Amino acid sequence: MSVDLGVLPSHAGVDEAGRGPLVGSVYAAAVILPADYDLPGLTDSKKLSEKKRDALAMLIKQQATAWSVAAADVAEIHQYNILFATMRAMARAVASLHIKPTKVWIDGNRIPADLSLPAEAVVKGDLKIAAVSAASILAKTARDAEMYALAKRFPQYGFDKHKGYGTVAHLTALQQYGILPEHRQDFAPIKALLIQGKLFTE
């Protein structure tokens, strides 16, 4: 279980998923956990198997005092940048909670400028604070769901396997089939292919 640094039932944990991939939205989640939460194995989503993440995501949604998932899409990532888009997604997740937290713990070293709540950035917060761990799981499972949906539309890209990251398989598919509108055009591998005119065609 995550090390709980005095998380109170009025405090929210916030984390993101999907900053690094070459395709799709970046997601953020906010979670307020009750003092008596029972989430065996809760930790940073990256340290869990997909099966365990999915199981914990269901339990988190059942047990959380409040939870919310938000996203910033490819258009926002292109208009601003991935960091600013991530901050926007985090702020949206907090704003969408049906209970207003008295404080927000955010994984990492930055706090969204428009949060309008007391907040603290905690490096490796997803390993230290239970509510942040829970948020990391909800953000990751939401992001993965987008990749599975994209894989159904474009199975040749293998999004269900690499989840949009710049793996050899993904880069090979990009060379073969071209860039989709869902790809992040400001990311270096995609930008290079755009220069070559490698766009997806039906």
N, C-alpha and C. Protein backbone atom coordinates (compact mmCIF):
# COMPACT_ATOMS: atom_id res chain seq x y z
N MET A 1 0.85 -1.19 0.00
CA MET A 1 0.00 0.00 0.00
C MET A 1 0.88 1.24 0.00
N SER A 2 0.39 2.30 -0.55
CA SER A 2 1.15 3.54 -0.58
C SER A 2 1.39 4.05 0.84
N VAL A 3 2.50 4.74 1.02
CA VAL A 3 2.76 5.42 2.28
C VAL A 3 1.85 6.64 2.34
N ASP A 4 1.03 6.71 3.38
CA ASP A 4 0.04 7.78 3.46
C ASP A 4 0.57 8.91 4.35
N LEU A 5 0.94 10.02 3.75
CA LEU A 5 1.51 11.13 4.50
C LEU A 5 0.42 12.03 5.08
N GLY A 6 -0.34 11.49 6.00
CA GLY A 6 -1.34 12.30 6.67
C GLY A 6 -2.48 12.77 5.79
N VAL A 7 -2.81 11.99 4.76
CA VAL A 7 -3.91 12.39 3.88
C VAL A 7 -5.21 12.40 4.68
N LEU A 8 -5.92 13.48 4.60
CA LEU A 8 -7.19 13.62 5.31
C LEU A 8 -8.34 13.41 4.34
N PRO A 9 -9.51 13.03 4.85
CA PRO A 9 -10.66 12.80 3.97
C PRO A 9 -11.09 14.03 3.18
N SER A 10 -10.59 15.21 3.56
CA SER A 10 -10.94 16.43 2.82
C SER A 10 -9.88 16.82 1.79
N HIS A 11 -8.84 15.99 1.65
CA HIS A 11 -7.73 16.28 0.74
C HIS A 11 -7.85 15.44 -0.53
N ALA A 12 -7.50 16.04 -1.66
CA ALA A 12 -7.55 15.32 -2.93
C ALA A 12 -6.14 15.04 -3.43
N GLY A 13 -5.99 13.89 -4.07
CA GLY A 13 -4.75 13.56 -4.77
C GLY A 13 -4.97 13.71 -6.26
N VAL A 14 -3.96 14.20 -6.97
CA VAL A 14 -4.08 14.44 -8.41
C VAL A 14 -2.85 13.87 -9.12
N ASP A 15 -3.09 13.20 -10.24
CA ASP A 15 -1.98 12.72 -11.07
C ASP A 15 -2.43 12.69 -12.52
N GLU A 16 -1.45 12.54 -13.42
CA GLU A 16 -1.73 12.52 -14.85
C GLU A 16 -1.26 11.23 -15.49
N ALA A 17 -1.69 11.00 -16.71
CA ALA A 17 -1.21 9.88 -17.52
C ALA A 17 -1.22 10.29 -18.98
N GLY A 18 -0.15 9.95 -19.67
CA GLY A 18 -0.14 10.17 -21.11
C GLY A 18 0.64 11.37 -21.58
N ARG A 19 1.63 11.82 -20.81
CA ARG A 19 2.44 12.95 -21.29
C ARG A 19 3.42 12.52 -22.37
N GLY A 20 3.93 11.30 -22.29
CA GLY A 20 4.99 10.86 -23.18
C GLY A 20 4.59 10.28 -24.52
N PRO A 21 3.41 9.67 -24.65
CA PRO A 21 3.03 9.03 -25.92
C PRO A 21 2.96 10.00 -27.09
N LEU A 22 2.94 9.43 -28.28
CA LEU A 22 2.91 10.21 -29.51
C LEU A 22 1.50 10.46 -30.02
N VAL A 23 0.51 9.91 -29.34
CA VAL A 23 -0.85 9.98 -29.86
C VAL A 23 -1.85 10.12 -28.71
N GLY A 24 -2.95 10.79 -28.98
CA GLY A 24 -4.06 10.84 -28.05
C GLY A 24 -3.97 11.93 -26.99
N SER A 25 -5.00 11.96 -26.16
CA SER A 25 -5.14 12.98 -25.12
C SER A 25 -4.22 12.70 -23.94
N VAL A 26 -3.98 13.72 -23.14
CA VAL A 26 -3.34 13.54 -21.84
C VAL A 26 -4.45 13.60 -20.80
N TYR A 27 -4.40 12.70 -19.83
CA TYR A 27 -5.47 12.57 -18.84
C TYR A 27 -4.98 12.97 -17.45
N ALA A 28 -5.91 13.40 -16.63
CA ALA A 28 -5.62 13.66 -15.22
C ALA A 28 -6.82 13.20 -14.40
N ALA A 29 -6.53 12.78 -13.18
CA ALA A 29 -7.60 12.37 -12.28
C ALA A 29 -7.39 13.02 -10.92
N ALA A 30 -8.49 13.24 -10.22
CA ALA A 30 -8.47 13.75 -8.85
C ALA A 30 -9.30 12.81 -7.99
N VAL A 31 -8.78 12.46 -6.83
CA VAL A 31 -9.46 11.50 -5.95
C VAL A 31 -9.41 11.98 -4.51
N ILE A 32 -10.54 11.90 -3.84
CA ILE A 32 -10.61 12.09 -2.39
C ILE A 32 -10.97 10.73 -1.79
N LEU A 33 -10.11 10.20 -0.93
CA LEU A 33 -10.36 8.91 -0.31
C LEU A 33 -10.88 9.08 1.12
N PRO A 34 -11.76 8.18 1.56
CA PRO A 34 -12.18 8.21 2.96
C PRO A 34 -11.07 7.68 3.85
N ALA A 35 -11.14 7.97 5.13
CA ALA A 35 -10.11 7.52 6.06
C ALA A 35 -10.04 6.01 6.15
N ASP A 36 -11.16 5.34 5.91
CA ASP A 36 -11.20 3.88 6.06
C ASP A 36 -11.13 3.15 4.73
N TYR A 37 -10.48 3.75 3.73
CA TYR A 37 -10.40 3.08 2.43
C TYR A 37 -9.70 1.73 2.56
N ASP A 38 -10.09 0.80 1.70
CA ASP A 38 -9.50 -0.54 1.70
C ASP A 38 -9.13 -0.89 0.26
N LEU A 39 -7.91 -0.58 -0.12
CA LEU A 39 -7.45 -0.78 -1.50
C LEU A 39 -6.12 -1.53 -1.48
N PRO A 40 -6.17 -2.85 -1.28
CA PRO A 40 -4.94 -3.65 -1.18
C PRO A 40 -4.08 -3.54 -2.44
N GLY A 41 -2.80 -3.28 -2.23
CA GLY A 41 -1.88 -3.19 -3.36
C GLY A 41 -1.81 -1.83 -4.00
N LEU A 42 -2.48 -0.84 -3.41
CA LEU A 42 -2.50 0.50 -4.00
C LEU A 42 -1.09 1.09 -4.06
N THR A 43 -0.69 1.53 -5.25
CA THR A 43 0.61 2.17 -5.45
C THR A 43 0.58 2.90 -6.79
N ASP A 44 1.71 3.41 -7.21
CA ASP A 44 1.84 4.07 -8.51
C ASP A 44 1.35 3.13 -9.61
N SER A 45 0.51 3.65 -10.49
CA SER A 45 -0.09 2.82 -11.54
C SER A 45 0.95 2.14 -12.42
N LYS A 46 2.10 2.77 -12.60
CA LYS A 46 3.14 2.21 -13.47
C LYS A 46 3.76 0.95 -12.89
N LYS A 47 3.57 0.72 -11.60
CA LYS A 47 4.14 -0.46 -10.95
C LYS A 47 3.14 -1.61 -10.87
N LEU A 48 1.98 -1.44 -11.47
CA LEU A 48 0.93 -2.45 -11.41
C LEU A 48 0.70 -3.07 -12.78
N SER A 49 0.28 -4.33 -12.77
CA SER A 49 -0.14 -4.96 -14.02
C SER A 49 -1.45 -4.32 -14.48
N GLU A 50 -1.75 -4.48 -15.75
CA GLU A 50 -2.99 -3.90 -16.27
C GLU A 50 -4.20 -4.50 -15.56
N LYS A 51 -4.16 -5.79 -15.31
CA LYS A 51 -5.27 -6.46 -14.62
C LYS A 51 -5.47 -5.88 -13.23
N LYS A 52 -4.38 -5.68 -12.50
CA LYS A 52 -4.47 -5.13 -11.14
C LYS A 52 -4.94 -3.68 -11.18
N ARG A 53 -4.46 -2.90 -12.16
CA ARG A 53 -4.92 -1.51 -12.30
C ARG A 53 -6.42 -1.45 -12.51
N ASP A 54 -6.90 -2.29 -13.42
CA ASP A 54 -8.33 -2.27 -13.73
C ASP A 54 -9.17 -2.64 -12.51
N ALA A 55 -8.70 -3.64 -11.75
CA ALA A 55 -9.42 -4.06 -10.55
C ALA A 55 -9.43 -2.95 -9.51
N LEU A 56 -8.28 -2.31 -9.31
CA LEU A 56 -8.20 -1.22 -8.34
C LEU A 56 -9.02 -0.01 -8.79
N ALA A 57 -9.05 0.25 -10.09
CA ALA A 57 -9.84 1.39 -10.58
C ALA A 57 -11.31 1.23 -10.21
N MET A 58 -11.82 0.02 -10.32
CA MET A 58 -13.22 -0.24 -9.94
C MET A 58 -13.42 0.01 -8.45
N LEU A 59 -12.49 -0.48 -7.63
CA LEU A 59 -12.61 -0.31 -6.18
C LEU A 59 -12.49 1.16 -5.79
N ILE A 60 -11.58 1.87 -6.44
CA ILE A 60 -11.41 3.30 -6.15
C ILE A 60 -12.71 4.06 -6.42
N LYS A 61 -13.33 3.78 -7.55
CA LYS A 61 -14.57 4.47 -7.91
C LYS A 61 -15.69 4.12 -6.94
N GLN A 62 -15.67 2.90 -6.40
CA GLN A 62 -16.69 2.49 -5.44
C GLN A 62 -16.47 3.13 -4.07
N GLN A 63 -15.20 3.25 -3.67
CA GLN A 63 -14.90 3.68 -2.30
C GLN A 63 -14.62 5.18 -2.15
N ALA A 64 -14.19 5.82 -3.20
CA ALA A 64 -13.78 7.23 -3.09
C ALA A 64 -14.92 8.12 -2.61
N THR A 65 -14.59 9.07 -1.79
CA THR A 65 -15.56 10.09 -1.39
C THR A 65 -15.96 10.92 -2.61
N ALA A 66 -14.98 11.17 -3.47
CA ALA A 66 -15.22 11.86 -4.74
C ALA A 66 -14.07 11.52 -5.69
N TRP A 67 -14.39 11.43 -6.97
CA TRP A 67 -13.35 11.22 -7.96
C TRP A 67 -13.77 11.86 -9.28
N SER A 68 -12.78 12.19 -10.08
CA SER A 68 -13.05 12.82 -11.38
C SER A 68 -11.89 12.53 -12.31
N VAL A 69 -12.20 12.37 -13.59
CA VAL A 69 -11.18 12.21 -14.63
C VAL A 69 -11.44 13.27 -15.70
N ALA A 70 -10.38 13.92 -16.14
CA ALA A 70 -10.49 14.94 -17.19
C ALA A 70 -9.35 14.75 -18.18
N ALA A 71 -9.45 15.42 -19.32
CA ALA A 71 -8.43 15.27 -20.36
C ALA A 71 -8.20 16.58 -21.09
N ALA A 72 -7.06 16.66 -21.73
CA ALA A 72 -6.78 17.71 -22.71
C ALA A 72 -6.44 16.99 -24.00
N ASP A 73 -7.15 17.31 -25.06
CA ASP A 73 -7.02 16.54 -26.29
C ASP A 73 -5.84 17.00 -27.15
N VAL A 74 -5.69 16.33 -28.28
CA VAL A 74 -4.55 16.59 -29.16
C VAL A 74 -4.54 18.04 -29.64
N ALA A 75 -5.71 18.61 -29.89
CA ALA A 75 -5.77 20.00 -30.35
C ALA A 75 -5.20 20.95 -29.31
N GLU A 76 -5.52 20.70 -28.03
CA GLU A 76 -4.98 21.55 -26.96
C GLU A 76 -3.48 21.36 -26.81
N ILE A 77 -3.03 20.11 -26.92
CA ILE A 77 -1.60 19.83 -26.83
C ILE A 77 -0.86 20.58 -27.92
N HIS A 78 -1.46 20.61 -29.11
CA HIS A 78 -0.84 21.31 -30.25
C HIS A 78 -0.89 22.82 -30.05
N GLN A 79 -2.02 23.32 -29.54
CA GLN A 79 -2.20 24.76 -29.39
C GLN A 79 -1.27 25.33 -28.31
N TYR A 80 -1.12 24.61 -27.22
CA TYR A 80 -0.30 25.10 -26.11
C TYR A 80 1.03 24.34 -26.11
N ASN A 81 1.14 23.33 -25.32
CA ASN A 81 2.23 22.36 -25.31
C ASN A 81 1.81 21.27 -24.34
N ILE A 82 2.57 20.19 -24.28
CA ILE A 82 2.13 19.06 -23.48
C ILE A 82 2.10 19.40 -21.99
N LEU A 83 3.04 20.21 -21.52
CA LEU A 83 3.05 20.56 -20.10
C LEU A 83 1.84 21.40 -19.73
N PHE A 84 1.56 22.44 -20.52
CA PHE A 84 0.43 23.31 -20.21
C PHE A 84 -0.89 22.55 -20.36
N ALA A 85 -0.98 21.68 -21.36
CA ALA A 85 -2.19 20.87 -21.54
C ALA A 85 -2.40 19.95 -20.34
N THR A 86 -1.31 19.41 -19.81
CA THR A 86 -1.41 18.55 -18.63
C THR A 86 -1.92 19.34 -17.43
N MET A 87 -1.42 20.55 -17.25
CA MET A 87 -1.89 21.39 -16.15
C MET A 87 -3.38 21.71 -16.29
N ARG A 88 -3.81 21.94 -17.51
CA ARG A 88 -5.24 22.21 -17.76
C ARG A 88 -6.09 20.99 -17.40
N ALA A 89 -5.62 19.80 -17.77
CA ALA A 89 -6.36 18.58 -17.44
C ALA A 89 -6.44 18.39 -15.94
N MET A 90 -5.35 18.66 -15.24
CA MET A 90 -5.35 18.53 -13.78
C MET A 90 -6.34 19.50 -13.14
N ALA A 91 -6.32 20.74 -13.58
CA ALA A 91 -7.23 21.74 -13.03
C ALA A 91 -8.68 21.35 -13.29
N ARG A 92 -8.96 20.81 -14.47
CA ARG A 92 -10.32 20.36 -14.79
C ARG A 92 -10.76 19.21 -13.89
N ALA A 93 -9.84 18.28 -13.64
CA ALA A 93 -10.19 17.15 -12.79
C ALA A 93 -10.57 17.62 -11.39
N VAL A 94 -9.80 18.54 -10.84
CA VAL A 94 -10.11 19.07 -9.51
C VAL A 94 -11.42 19.83 -9.53
N ALA A 95 -11.63 20.66 -10.54
CA ALA A 95 -12.85 21.46 -10.63
C ALA A 95 -14.09 20.59 -10.78
N SER A 96 -13.93 19.39 -11.31
CA SER A 96 -15.07 18.51 -11.56
C SER A 96 -15.45 17.65 -10.36
N LEU A 97 -14.66 17.69 -9.30
CA LEU A 97 -15.02 16.94 -8.09
C LEU A 97 -16.32 17.49 -7.51
N HIS A 98 -17.22 16.61 -7.12
CA HIS A 98 -18.50 17.10 -6.58
C HIS A 98 -18.36 17.56 -5.14
N ILE A 99 -17.22 17.27 -4.52
CA ILE A 99 -16.90 17.79 -3.20
C ILE A 99 -15.63 18.62 -3.33
N LYS A 100 -15.65 19.84 -2.85
CA LYS A 100 -14.48 20.70 -2.96
C LYS A 100 -13.47 20.33 -1.88
N PRO A 101 -12.26 19.92 -2.26
CA PRO A 101 -11.26 19.57 -1.25
C PRO A 101 -10.70 20.81 -0.57
N THR A 102 -10.20 20.62 0.65
CA THR A 102 -9.57 21.74 1.35
C THR A 102 -8.11 21.91 0.94
N LYS A 103 -7.54 20.85 0.39
CA LYS A 103 -6.17 20.91 -0.11
C LYS A 103 -5.99 19.87 -1.21
N VAL A 104 -5.06 20.14 -2.11
CA VAL A 104 -4.78 19.23 -3.22
C VAL A 104 -3.31 18.85 -3.21
N TRP A 105 -3.05 17.56 -3.28
CA TRP A 105 -1.69 17.07 -3.46
C TRP A 105 -1.51 16.65 -4.91
N ILE A 106 -0.50 17.18 -5.56
CA ILE A 106 -0.28 16.92 -6.98
C ILE A 106 1.04 16.19 -7.18
N ASP A 107 1.00 15.12 -7.94
CA ASP A 107 2.23 14.39 -8.22
C ASP A 107 3.16 15.24 -9.09
N GLY A 108 4.43 15.29 -8.74
CA GLY A 108 5.39 16.03 -9.55
C GLY A 108 5.92 17.26 -8.86
N ASN A 109 6.35 18.22 -9.65
CA ASN A 109 6.96 19.43 -9.09
C ASN A 109 6.31 20.72 -9.58
N ARG A 110 5.12 20.60 -10.17
CA ARG A 110 4.41 21.79 -10.66
C ARG A 110 2.96 21.78 -10.21
N ILE A 111 2.42 22.98 -10.01
CA ILE A 111 1.03 23.14 -9.62
C ILE A 111 0.33 23.97 -10.69
N PRO A 112 -0.84 23.53 -11.17
CA PRO A 112 -1.57 24.31 -12.17
C PRO A 112 -1.85 25.72 -11.67
N ALA A 113 -1.65 26.69 -12.53
CA ALA A 113 -1.78 28.10 -12.14
C ALA A 113 -3.21 28.47 -11.76
N ASP A 114 -4.19 27.83 -12.40
CA ASP A 114 -5.59 28.22 -12.18
C ASP A 114 -6.34 27.25 -11.27
N LEU A 115 -5.63 26.66 -10.32
CA LEU A 115 -6.26 25.68 -9.43
C LEU A 115 -7.19 26.33 -8.42
N SER A 116 -6.84 27.50 -7.92
CA SER A 116 -7.65 28.28 -6.97
C SER A 116 -7.96 27.53 -5.68
N LEU A 117 -7.08 26.63 -5.28
CA LEU A 117 -7.19 25.90 -4.02
C LEU A 117 -5.79 25.75 -3.43
N PRO A 118 -5.68 25.62 -2.12
CA PRO A 118 -4.37 25.32 -1.54
C PRO A 118 -3.84 24.01 -2.14
N ALA A 119 -2.60 24.02 -2.56
CA ALA A 119 -2.05 22.83 -3.23
C ALA A 119 -0.58 22.68 -2.92
N GLU A 120 -0.12 21.44 -3.01
CA GLU A 120 1.29 21.13 -2.79
C GLU A 120 1.72 20.11 -3.83
N ALA A 121 2.83 20.39 -4.50
CA ALA A 121 3.40 19.42 -5.44
C ALA A 121 4.31 18.48 -4.66
N VAL A 122 4.14 17.19 -4.89
CA VAL A 122 4.91 16.17 -4.18
C VAL A 122 5.61 15.28 -5.20
N VAL A 123 6.93 15.37 -5.26
CA VAL A 123 7.69 14.51 -6.18
C VAL A 123 7.51 13.06 -5.76
N LYS A 124 7.20 12.21 -6.72
CA LYS A 124 6.87 10.80 -6.48
C LYS A 124 5.69 10.66 -5.53
N GLY A 125 4.77 11.60 -5.63
CA GLY A 125 3.57 11.54 -4.80
C GLY A 125 2.76 10.28 -5.02
N ASP A 126 2.84 9.71 -6.23
CA ASP A 126 2.08 8.50 -6.51
C ASP A 126 2.64 7.28 -5.78
N LEU A 127 3.81 7.42 -5.17
CA LEU A 127 4.38 6.36 -4.34
C LEU A 127 4.25 6.67 -2.85
N LYS A 128 3.86 7.90 -2.52
CA LYS A 128 3.88 8.35 -1.13
C LYS A 128 2.50 8.60 -0.54
N ILE A 129 1.56 9.00 -1.37
CA ILE A 129 0.25 9.44 -0.88
C ILE A 129 -0.84 8.62 -1.54
N ALA A 130 -1.68 8.00 -0.73
CA ALA A 130 -2.68 7.07 -1.25
C ALA A 130 -3.61 7.70 -2.27
N ALA A 131 -4.09 8.91 -1.99
CA ALA A 131 -5.03 9.55 -2.92
C ALA A 131 -4.37 9.86 -4.26
N VAL A 132 -3.08 10.15 -4.25
CA VAL A 132 -2.36 10.41 -5.49
C VAL A 132 -2.17 9.10 -6.25
N SER A 133 -1.85 8.02 -5.53
CA SER A 133 -1.76 6.70 -6.16
C SER A 133 -3.08 6.35 -6.84
N ALA A 134 -4.17 6.59 -6.13
CA ALA A 134 -5.49 6.29 -6.69
C ALA A 134 -5.75 7.12 -7.94
N ALA A 135 -5.36 8.39 -7.90
CA ALA A 135 -5.54 9.25 -9.07
C ALA A 135 -4.71 8.76 -10.25
N SER A 136 -3.50 8.28 -9.97
CA SER A 136 -2.65 7.79 -11.06
C SER A 136 -3.30 6.59 -11.75
N ILE A 137 -3.98 5.76 -10.98
CA ILE A 137 -4.64 4.58 -11.55
C ILE A 137 -5.84 4.98 -12.40
N LEU A 138 -6.65 5.92 -11.92
CA LEU A 138 -7.81 6.35 -12.71
C LEU A 138 -7.38 7.06 -13.99
N ALA A 139 -6.34 7.86 -13.91
CA ALA A 139 -5.86 8.55 -15.11
C ALA A 139 -5.32 7.56 -16.13
N LYS A 140 -4.54 6.58 -15.65
CA LYS A 140 -3.94 5.60 -16.55
C LYS A 140 -4.99 4.71 -17.20
N THR A 141 -5.98 4.25 -16.45
CA THR A 141 -6.99 3.38 -17.04
C THR A 141 -7.87 4.15 -18.04
N ALA A 142 -8.10 5.43 -17.78
CA ALA A 142 -8.86 6.24 -18.74
C ALA A 142 -8.07 6.44 -20.02
N ARG A 143 -6.80 6.72 -19.88
CA ARG A 143 -5.92 6.88 -21.05
C ARG A 143 -5.85 5.57 -21.86
N ASP A 144 -5.71 4.44 -21.17
CA ASP A 144 -5.65 3.15 -21.85
C ASP A 144 -6.95 2.87 -22.61
N ALA A 145 -8.08 3.27 -22.02
CA ALA A 145 -9.37 3.06 -22.69
C ALA A 145 -9.42 3.80 -24.02
N GLU A 146 -8.84 5.00 -24.07
CA GLU A 146 -8.78 5.74 -25.33
C GLU A 146 -7.93 4.98 -26.35
N MET A 147 -6.84 4.39 -25.89
CA MET A 147 -5.97 3.64 -26.81
C MET A 147 -6.66 2.39 -27.34
N TYR A 148 -7.43 1.72 -26.50
CA TYR A 148 -8.17 0.54 -26.97
C TYR A 148 -9.24 0.94 -28.00
N ALA A 149 -9.88 2.07 -27.76
CA ALA A 149 -10.88 2.55 -28.73
C ALA A 149 -10.21 2.91 -30.05
N LEU A 150 -9.04 3.51 -29.98
CA LEU A 150 -8.31 3.87 -31.20
C LEU A 150 -7.83 2.62 -31.93
N ALA A 151 -7.47 1.60 -31.17
CA ALA A 151 -7.02 0.34 -31.77
C ALA A 151 -8.14 -0.35 -32.55
N LYS A 152 -9.37 -0.19 -32.09
CA LYS A 152 -10.50 -0.77 -32.82
C LYS A 152 -10.70 -0.08 -34.16
N ARG A 153 -10.44 1.22 -34.20
CA ARG A 153 -10.60 1.96 -35.44
C ARG A 153 -9.42 1.75 -36.39
N PHE A 154 -8.24 1.63 -35.81
CA PHE A 154 -7.02 1.51 -36.62
C PHE A 154 -6.15 0.38 -36.07
N PRO A 155 -6.58 -0.87 -36.26
CA PRO A 155 -5.86 -2.00 -35.66
C PRO A 155 -4.43 -2.15 -36.16
N GLN A 156 -4.15 -1.63 -37.35
CA GLN A 156 -2.81 -1.80 -37.92
C GLN A 156 -1.72 -1.05 -37.15
N TYR A 157 -2.11 -0.12 -36.28
CA TYR A 157 -1.11 0.66 -35.54
C TYR A 157 -0.70 0.01 -34.21
N GLY A 158 -1.50 -0.92 -33.72
CA GLY A 158 -1.15 -1.61 -32.48
C GLY A 158 -1.26 -0.79 -31.22
N PHE A 159 -2.19 0.17 -31.19
CA PHE A 159 -2.33 1.03 -30.02
C PHE A 159 -2.66 0.26 -28.75
N ASP A 160 -3.34 -0.87 -28.89
CA ASP A 160 -3.70 -1.68 -27.73
C ASP A 160 -2.47 -2.30 -27.07
N LYS A 161 -1.38 -2.39 -27.81
CA LYS A 161 -0.16 -3.00 -27.28
C LYS A 161 0.82 -1.95 -26.74
N HIS A 162 1.15 -0.95 -27.54
CA HIS A 162 2.16 0.02 -27.09
C HIS A 162 1.57 1.27 -26.44
N LYS A 163 0.24 1.38 -26.45
CA LYS A 163 -0.46 2.48 -25.78
C LYS A 163 -0.03 3.87 -26.28
N GLY A 164 0.47 3.92 -27.52
CA GLY A 164 0.80 5.21 -28.10
C GLY A 164 2.24 5.66 -27.91
N TYR A 165 3.01 4.91 -27.15
CA TYR A 165 4.41 5.29 -26.94
C TYR A 165 5.23 5.05 -28.21
N GLY A 166 6.38 5.67 -28.27
CA GLY A 166 7.19 5.62 -29.48
C GLY A 166 8.03 4.36 -29.60
N THR A 167 7.39 3.22 -29.55
CA THR A 167 8.09 1.94 -29.67
C THR A 167 8.49 1.70 -31.12
N VAL A 168 9.33 0.70 -31.32
CA VAL A 168 9.72 0.33 -32.68
C VAL A 168 8.49 -0.04 -33.50
N ALA A 169 7.57 -0.79 -32.89
CA ALA A 169 6.36 -1.21 -33.61
C ALA A 169 5.52 -0.01 -34.02
N HIS A 170 5.40 0.97 -33.14
CA HIS A 170 4.61 2.16 -33.44
C HIS A 170 5.27 2.98 -34.55
N LEU A 171 6.57 3.18 -34.43
CA LEU A 171 7.29 3.97 -35.44
C LEU A 171 7.28 3.28 -36.80
N THR A 172 7.34 1.95 -36.79
CA THR A 172 7.26 1.19 -38.04
C THR A 172 5.89 1.36 -38.68
N ALA A 173 4.83 1.29 -37.85
CA ALA A 173 3.47 1.48 -38.37
C ALA A 173 3.29 2.89 -38.92
N LEU A 174 3.88 3.86 -38.28
CA LEU A 174 3.79 5.24 -38.77
C LEU A 174 4.45 5.37 -40.14
N GLN A 175 5.59 4.75 -40.31
CA GLN A 175 6.26 4.78 -41.61
C GLN A 175 5.43 4.10 -42.69
N GLN A 176 4.75 3.03 -42.29
CA GLN A 176 3.99 2.24 -43.27
C GLN A 176 2.63 2.85 -43.60
N TYR A 177 1.94 3.35 -42.57
CA TYR A 177 0.55 3.77 -42.76
C TYR A 177 0.35 5.29 -42.68
N GLY A 178 1.31 6.02 -42.12
CA GLY A 178 1.17 7.46 -42.04
C GLY A 178 0.61 7.95 -40.71
N ILE A 179 0.53 9.26 -40.59
CA ILE A 179 0.11 9.92 -39.36
C ILE A 179 -1.41 10.10 -39.33
N LEU A 180 -1.99 9.80 -38.17
CA LEU A 180 -3.42 10.01 -37.96
C LEU A 180 -3.68 11.41 -37.39
N PRO A 181 -4.90 11.91 -37.51
CA PRO A 181 -5.22 13.19 -36.88
C PRO A 181 -5.02 13.16 -35.36
N GLU A 182 -5.09 11.96 -34.79
CA GLU A 182 -4.93 11.81 -33.34
C GLU A 182 -3.47 11.87 -32.89
N HIS A 183 -2.53 11.86 -33.82
CA HIS A 183 -1.12 11.94 -33.45
C HIS A 183 -0.75 13.38 -33.07
N ARG A 184 0.20 13.50 -32.16
CA ARG A 184 0.64 14.80 -31.64
C ARG A 184 1.68 15.39 -32.59
N GLN A 185 1.27 16.36 -33.36
CA GLN A 185 2.10 16.85 -34.46
C GLN A 185 3.33 17.62 -34.02
N ASP A 186 3.37 18.08 -32.77
CA ASP A 186 4.53 18.81 -32.28
C ASP A 186 5.60 17.89 -31.68
N PHE A 187 5.29 16.61 -31.54
CA PHE A 187 6.27 15.68 -31.00
C PHE A 187 7.25 15.29 -32.10
N ALA A 188 8.52 15.25 -31.77
CA ALA A 188 9.59 15.14 -32.77
C ALA A 188 9.41 14.03 -33.80
N PRO A 189 9.11 12.78 -33.41
CA PRO A 189 8.97 11.74 -34.44
C PRO A 189 7.83 12.01 -35.41
N ILE A 190 6.74 12.61 -34.90
CA ILE A 190 5.59 12.92 -35.76
C ILE A 190 5.92 14.10 -36.66
N LYS A 191 6.57 15.09 -36.10
CA LYS A 191 6.95 16.27 -36.88
C LYS A 191 7.85 15.88 -38.05
N ALA A 192 8.78 14.95 -37.80
CA ALA A 192 9.68 14.50 -38.86
C ALA A 192 8.92 13.81 -39.99
N LEU A 193 7.92 13.02 -39.62
CA LEU A 193 7.12 12.32 -40.63
C LEU A 193 6.22 13.29 -41.39
N LEU A 194 5.75 14.33 -40.70
CA LEU A 194 4.95 15.36 -41.37
C LEU A 194 5.75 16.03 -42.48
N ILE A 195 7.01 16.30 -42.18
CA ILE A 195 7.88 16.93 -43.18
C ILE A 195 8.00 16.04 -44.41
N GLN A 196 7.97 14.72 -44.17
CA GLN A 196 8.05 13.76 -45.28
C GLN A 196 6.71 13.58 -45.99
N GLY A 197 5.66 14.17 -45.42
CA GLY A 197 4.33 14.06 -46.02
C GLY A 197 3.66 12.73 -45.78
N LYS A 198 4.04 12.04 -44.70
CA LYS A 198 3.48 10.72 -44.42
C LYS A 198 2.19 10.85 -43.63
N LEU A 199 1.10 11.06 -44.32
CA LEU A 199 -0.22 11.18 -43.71
C LEU A 199 -1.03 9.92 -43.98
N PHE A 200 -1.89 9.59 -43.01
CA PHE A 200 -2.74 8.41 -43.18
C PHE A 200 -3.75 8.64 -44.28
N THR A 201 -3.93 7.64 -45.12
CA THR A 201 -4.97 7.67 -46.15
C THR A 201 -5.79 6.41 -46.05
N GLU A 202 -7.09 6.55 -46.24
CA GLU A 202 -7.98 5.38 -46.16
C GLU A 202 -7.64 4.37 -47.24
